[in-house]
Amino acid sequence: MSYYCEARPDHKLVIHRGDKSGPVIATTANLTPEEEDITEIYFADNLNPIVLEHDDPQLFNIHGKTTFTYNGKKYHWKGDTKLVEDETLTLLAIFHSSWFHFDLNKVGRLEITSEGKKMLNVVVITALVVQERSDEDRQARELAREKAYEEGVPHF
């Protein structure tokens, strides 16, 4: 199964099944880092959105956490790498970044466990949102660093 994620200038994501011409299966709202740390995912076949709550990394913790509830169960992405069901700590997916492999055509590979395959669209789409949010945060930090450098202000 393949998915296509279209990132629009207004920070909205449109997710298609298959390629860009495939049917839209989900859209998002509130992806901008300036807004509250919430992203709503609207599935084409469901009126109720899944609400992702993004917690930024805290002191001594380099990875943030994204939490959501689906079908009455709570889940979280640890950073942008592991999706876990909270109550049982069952691993549903692992994202392997291709950043270290210098593959410009892929951002990474999503490995989904047998438990994760039971909610495949939710796993894949939340992974896409978490990755996009991570990319936007990284770009915002880089722009802040460049601006500070231009102004002669130390920035770490």
C-alpha atoms as a PDB file:
ATOM      1  CA  MET A   1       0.000   0.000   0.000  1.00  0.00           C
ATOM      2  CA  SER A   2       1.374   3.407  -0.882  1.00  0.00           C
ATOM      3  CA  TYR A   3       0.384   6.898   0.227  1.00  0.00           C
ATOM      4  CA  TYR A   4       1.072  10.354  -1.172  1.00  0.00           C
ATOM      5  CA  CYS A   5       1.337  13.321   1.187  1.00  0.00           C
ATOM      6  CA  GLU A   6       0.756  16.761  -0.283  1.00  0.00           C
ATOM      7  CA  ALA A   7       2.035  19.608   1.933  1.00  0.00           C
ATOM      8  CA  ARG A   8       0.262  22.830   1.012  1.00  0.00           C
ATOM      9  CA  PRO A   9       1.618  26.360   1.630  1.00  0.00           C
ATOM     10  CA  ASP A  10      -1.062  26.928   4.295  1.00  0.00           C
ATOM     11  CA  HIS A  11       0.516  24.039   6.282  1.00  0.00           C
ATOM     12  CA  LYS A  12      -2.413  21.778   5.528  1.00  0.00           C
ATOM     13  CA  LEU A  13      -1.629  18.189   4.556  1.00  0.00           C
ATOM     14  CA  VAL A  14      -3.695  16.234   2.067  1.00  0.00           C
ATOM     15  CA  ILE A  15      -3.075  12.485   2.107  1.00  0.00           C
ATOM     16  CA  HIS A  16      -3.953  10.350  -0.911  1.00  0.00           C
ATOM     17  CA  ARG A  17      -4.089   6.574  -1.210  1.00  0.00           C
ATOM     18  CA  GLY A  18      -1.646   5.631  -3.962  1.00  0.00           C
ATOM     19  CA  ASP A  19      -0.181   8.547  -5.893  1.00  0.00           C
ATOM     20  CA  LYS A  20      -1.215  12.219  -6.136  1.00  0.00           C
ATOM     21  CA  SER A  21      -4.139  11.331  -8.384  1.00  0.00           C
ATOM     22  CA  GLY A  22      -5.450   8.758  -5.884  1.00  0.00           C
ATOM     23  CA  PRO A  23      -8.427   9.346  -3.626  1.00  0.00           C
ATOM     24  CA  VAL A  24      -8.007  11.727  -0.694  1.00  0.00           C
ATOM     25  CA  ILE A  25      -8.273   9.697   2.512  1.00  0.00           C
ATOM     26  CA  ALA A  26      -7.392  12.388   5.064  1.00  0.00           C
ATOM     27  CA  THR A  27      -6.636  16.081   5.550  1.00  0.00           C
ATOM     28  CA  THR A  28      -5.163  18.027   8.450  1.00  0.00           C
ATOM     29  CA  ALA A  29      -5.597  21.386  10.121  1.00  0.00           C
ATOM     30  CA  ASN A  30      -3.383  23.463  12.472  1.00  0.00           C
ATOM     31  CA  LEU A  31       0.063  22.306  11.383  1.00  0.00           C
ATOM     32  CA  THR A  32       1.812  25.634  11.854  1.00  0.00           C
ATOM     33  CA  PRO A  33       4.389  25.729  14.667  1.00  0.00           C
ATOM     34  CA  GLU A  34       3.149  29.212  15.682  1.00  0.00           C
ATOM     35  CA  GLU A  35      -0.284  27.863  16.601  1.00  0.00           C
ATOM     36  CA  GLU A  36      -1.125  25.698  19.557  1.00  0.00           C
ATOM     37  CA  ASP A  37       0.505  22.314  19.476  1.00  0.00           C
ATOM     38  CA  ILE A  38      -2.543  20.509  18.156  1.00  0.00           C
ATOM     39  CA  THR A  39      -3.184  18.915  14.776  1.00  0.00           C
ATOM     40  CA  GLU A  40      -6.575  17.603  13.752  1.00  0.00           C
ATOM     41  CA  ILE A  41      -6.706  14.769  11.216  1.00  0.00           C
ATOM     42  CA  TYR A  42      -9.954  14.468   9.280  1.00  0.00           C
ATOM     43  CA  PHE A  43     -10.524  11.102   7.611  1.00  0.00           C
ATOM     44  CA  ALA A  44     -12.728  11.043   4.516  1.00  0.00           C
ATOM     45  CA  ASP A  45     -14.841   8.228   5.973  1.00  0.00           C
ATOM     46  CA  ASN A  46     -15.283   9.664   9.502  1.00  0.00           C
ATOM     47  CA  LEU A  47     -16.699  12.972  10.737  1.00  0.00           C
ATOM     48  CA  ASN A  48     -14.767  12.892  14.022  1.00  0.00           C
ATOM     49  CA  PRO A  49     -11.141  13.998  13.752  1.00  0.00           C
ATOM     50  CA  ILE A  50      -8.216  12.377  15.495  1.00  0.00           C
ATOM     51  CA  VAL A  51      -6.579  15.095  17.566  1.00  0.00           C
ATOM     52  CA  LEU A  52      -2.804  14.948  17.902  1.00  0.00           C
ATOM     53  CA  GLU A  53      -1.261  16.834  20.825  1.00  0.00           C
ATOM     54  CA  HIS A  54       2.389  17.715  20.276  1.00  0.00           C
ATOM     55  CA  ASP A  55       4.604  18.222  23.328  1.00  0.00           C
ATOM     56  CA  ASP A  56       7.953  19.820  22.629  1.00  0.00           C
ATOM     57  CA  PRO A  57      11.126  18.267  24.040  1.00  0.00           C
ATOM     58  CA  GLN A  58      11.776  19.194  27.651  1.00  0.00           C
ATOM     59  CA  LEU A  59      15.086  19.756  29.418  1.00  0.00           C
ATOM     60  CA  PHE A  60      17.189  16.546  29.360  1.00  0.00           C
ATOM     61  CA  ASN A  61      14.775  14.950  26.896  1.00  0.00           C
ATOM     62  CA  ILE A  62      15.765  15.429  23.250  1.00  0.00           C
ATOM     63  CA  HIS A  63      12.577  13.959  21.780  1.00  0.00           C
ATOM     64  CA  GLY A  64       9.118  15.439  21.962  1.00  0.00           C
ATOM     65  CA  LYS A  65       5.983  13.358  22.286  1.00  0.00           C
ATOM     66  CA  THR A  66       2.800  13.338  20.223  1.00  0.00           C
ATOM     67  CA  THR A  67      -0.284  11.810  21.824  1.00  0.00           C
ATOM     68  CA  PHE A  68      -3.727  10.911  20.480  1.00  0.00           C
ATOM     69  CA  THR A  69      -6.766   8.760  21.222  1.00  0.00           C
ATOM     70  CA  TYR A  70      -8.277   6.365  18.693  1.00  0.00           C
ATOM     71  CA  ASN A  71     -11.200   4.009  19.328  1.00  0.00           C
ATOM     72  CA  GLY A  72     -10.995   4.715  23.062  1.00  0.00           C
ATOM     73  CA  LYS A  73      -7.291   3.847  23.394  1.00  0.00           C
ATOM     74  CA  LYS A  74      -4.423   6.257  23.972  1.00  0.00           C
ATOM     75  CA  TYR A  75      -1.289   6.201  21.819  1.00  0.00           C
ATOM     76  CA  HIS A  76       1.897   8.215  21.548  1.00  0.00           C
ATOM     77  CA  TRP A  77       4.735   8.827  19.112  1.00  0.00           C
ATOM     78  CA  LYS A  78       8.011   9.098  21.014  1.00  0.00           C
ATOM     79  CA  GLY A  79       9.750  11.813  19.055  1.00  0.00           C
ATOM     80  CA  ASP A  80       9.198  10.881  15.451  1.00  0.00           C
ATOM     81  CA  THR A  81      10.453   7.320  15.707  1.00  0.00           C
ATOM     82  CA  LYS A  82       8.174   4.971  17.698  1.00  0.00           C
ATOM     83  CA  LEU A  83       4.400   4.623  17.970  1.00  0.00           C
ATOM     84  CA  VAL A  84       3.234   2.885  21.146  1.00  0.00           C
ATOM     85  CA  GLU A  85      -0.173   2.042  22.653  1.00  0.00           C
ATOM     86  CA  ASP A  86      -0.052   3.604  26.131  1.00  0.00           C
ATOM     87  CA  GLU A  87      -1.810   1.041  28.324  1.00  0.00           C
ATOM     88  CA  THR A  88      -0.005  -2.105  27.104  1.00  0.00           C
ATOM     89  CA  LEU A  89       3.136  -0.393  25.735  1.00  0.00           C
ATOM     90  CA  THR A  90       2.589  -2.387  22.526  1.00  0.00           C
ATOM     91  CA  LEU A  91       4.869  -1.174  19.734  1.00  0.00           C
ATOM     92  CA  LEU A  92       2.870  -0.393  16.579  1.00  0.00           C
ATOM     93  CA  ALA A  93       5.450   1.223  14.306  1.00  0.00           C
ATOM     94  CA  ILE A  94       9.051   2.384  14.003  1.00  0.00           C
ATOM     95  CA  PHE A  95      10.183   5.126  11.656  1.00  0.00           C
ATOM     96  CA  HIS A  96      13.692   4.687  10.265  1.00  0.00           C
ATOM     97  CA  SER A  97      14.986   8.029   8.995  1.00  0.00           C
ATOM     98  CA  SER A  98      16.927   8.024   5.748  1.00  0.00           C
ATOM     99  CA  TRP A  99      18.667  11.233   6.869  1.00  0.00           C
ATOM    100  CA  PHE A 100      21.739   9.208   7.773  1.00  0.00           C
ATOM    101  CA  HIS A 101      21.672   7.383   4.428  1.00  0.00           C
ATOM    102  CA  PHE A 102      21.601  10.559   2.310  1.00  0.00           C
ATOM    103  CA  ASP A 103      18.713   9.353   0.146  1.00  0.00           C
ATOM    104  CA  LEU A 104      17.133  12.532  -1.236  1.00  0.00           C
ATOM    105  CA  ASN A 105      14.147  10.650  -2.653  1.00  0.00           C
ATOM    106  CA  LYS A 106      12.942   9.267   0.687  1.00  0.00           C
ATOM    107  CA  VAL A 107      12.525  10.724   4.154  1.00  0.00           C
ATOM    108  CA  GLY A 108      12.628   7.259   5.639  1.00  0.00           C
ATOM    109  CA  ARG A 109      10.969   3.901   6.001  1.00  0.00           C
ATOM    110  CA  LEU A 110       8.015   3.096   8.237  1.00  0.00           C
ATOM    111  CA  GLU A 111       8.066  -0.390   9.725  1.00  0.00           C
ATOM    112  CA  ILE A 112       4.614  -1.418  10.966  1.00  0.00           C
ATOM    113  CA  THR A 113       4.098  -4.322  13.375  1.00  0.00           C
ATOM    114  CA  SER A 114       1.257  -6.835  13.081  1.00  0.00           C
ATOM    115  CA  GLU A 115      -0.653  -4.892  15.775  1.00  0.00           C
ATOM    116  CA  GLY A 116      -0.084  -1.640  13.878  1.00  0.00           C
ATOM    117  CA  LYS A 117      -1.452  -3.155  10.664  1.00  0.00           C
ATOM    118  CA  LYS A 118      -4.837  -3.468  12.393  1.00  0.00           C
ATOM    119  CA  MET A 119      -5.091   0.341  12.203  1.00  0.00           C
ATOM    120  CA  LEU A 120      -2.906   0.906   9.145  1.00  0.00           C
ATOM    121  CA  ASN A 121      -4.314   4.230   7.917  1.00  0.00           C
ATOM    122  CA  VAL A 122      -4.096   5.785  11.394  1.00  0.00           C
ATOM    123  CA  VAL A 123      -0.495   4.599  11.855  1.00  0.00           C
ATOM    124  CA  VAL A 124       0.660   5.842   8.447  1.00  0.00           C
ATOM    125  CA  ILE A 125      -1.171   9.163   8.532  1.00  0.00           C
ATOM    126  CA  THR A 126      -0.087  10.047  12.077  1.00  0.00           C
ATOM    127  CA  ALA A 127       3.492   9.174  11.044  1.00  0.00           C
ATOM    128  CA  LEU A 128       3.239  11.551   8.067  1.00  0.00           C
ATOM    129  CA  VAL A 129       1.912  14.349  10.297  1.00  0.00           C
ATOM    130  CA  VAL A 130       4.617  13.813  12.927  1.00  0.00           C
ATOM    131  CA  GLN A 131       7.328  13.819  10.224  1.00  0.00           C
ATOM    132  CA  GLU A 132       5.982  16.988   8.604  1.00  0.00           C
ATOM    133  CA  ARG A 133       5.762  18.745  11.953  1.00  0.00           C
ATOM    134  CA  SER A 134       9.304  17.669  12.791  1.00  0.00           C
ATOM    135  CA  ASP A 135      10.529  19.023   9.431  1.00  0.00           C
ATOM    136  CA  GLU A 136       8.746  22.340   9.964  1.00  0.00           C
ATOM    137  CA  ASP A 137      10.216  22.688  13.472  1.00  0.00           C
ATOM    138  CA  ARG A 138      13.691  21.934  12.137  1.00  0.00           C
ATOM    139  CA  GLN A 139      13.279  24.550   9.374  1.00  0.00           C
ATOM    140  CA  ALA A 140      12.033  27.165  11.869  1.00  0.00           C
ATOM    141  CA  ARG A 141      15.052  26.559  14.132  1.00  0.00           C
ATOM    142  CA  GLU A 142      17.423  26.858  11.162  1.00  0.00           C
ATOM    143  CA  LEU A 143      15.828  30.157  10.077  1.00  0.00           C
ATOM    144  CA  ALA A 144      16.113  31.500  13.645  1.00  0.00           C
ATOM    145  CA  ARG A 145      19.783  30.458  13.724  1.00  0.00           C
ATOM    146  CA  GLU A 146      20.457  32.202  10.386  1.00  0.00           C
ATOM    147  CA  LYS A 147      18.662  35.367  11.499  1.00  0.00           C
ATOM    148  CA  ALA A 148      20.582  35.450  14.789  1.00  0.00           C
ATOM    149  CA  TYR A 149      23.849  34.991  12.893  1.00  0.00           C
ATOM    150  CA  GLU A 150      22.996  37.875  10.526  1.00  0.00           C
ATOM    151  CA  GLU A 151      22.202  40.095  13.513  1.00  0.00           C
ATOM    152  CA  GLY A 152      25.366  39.052  15.367  1.00  0.00           C
ATOM    153  CA  VAL A 153      23.436  37.441  18.216  1.00  0.00           C
ATOM    154  CA  PRO A 154      24.790  34.187  19.656  1.00  0.00           C
ATOM    155  CA  HIS A 155      22.320  31.366  19.065  1.00  0.00           C
ATOM    156  CA  PHE A 156      22.756  27.709  19.908  1.00  0.00           C
END
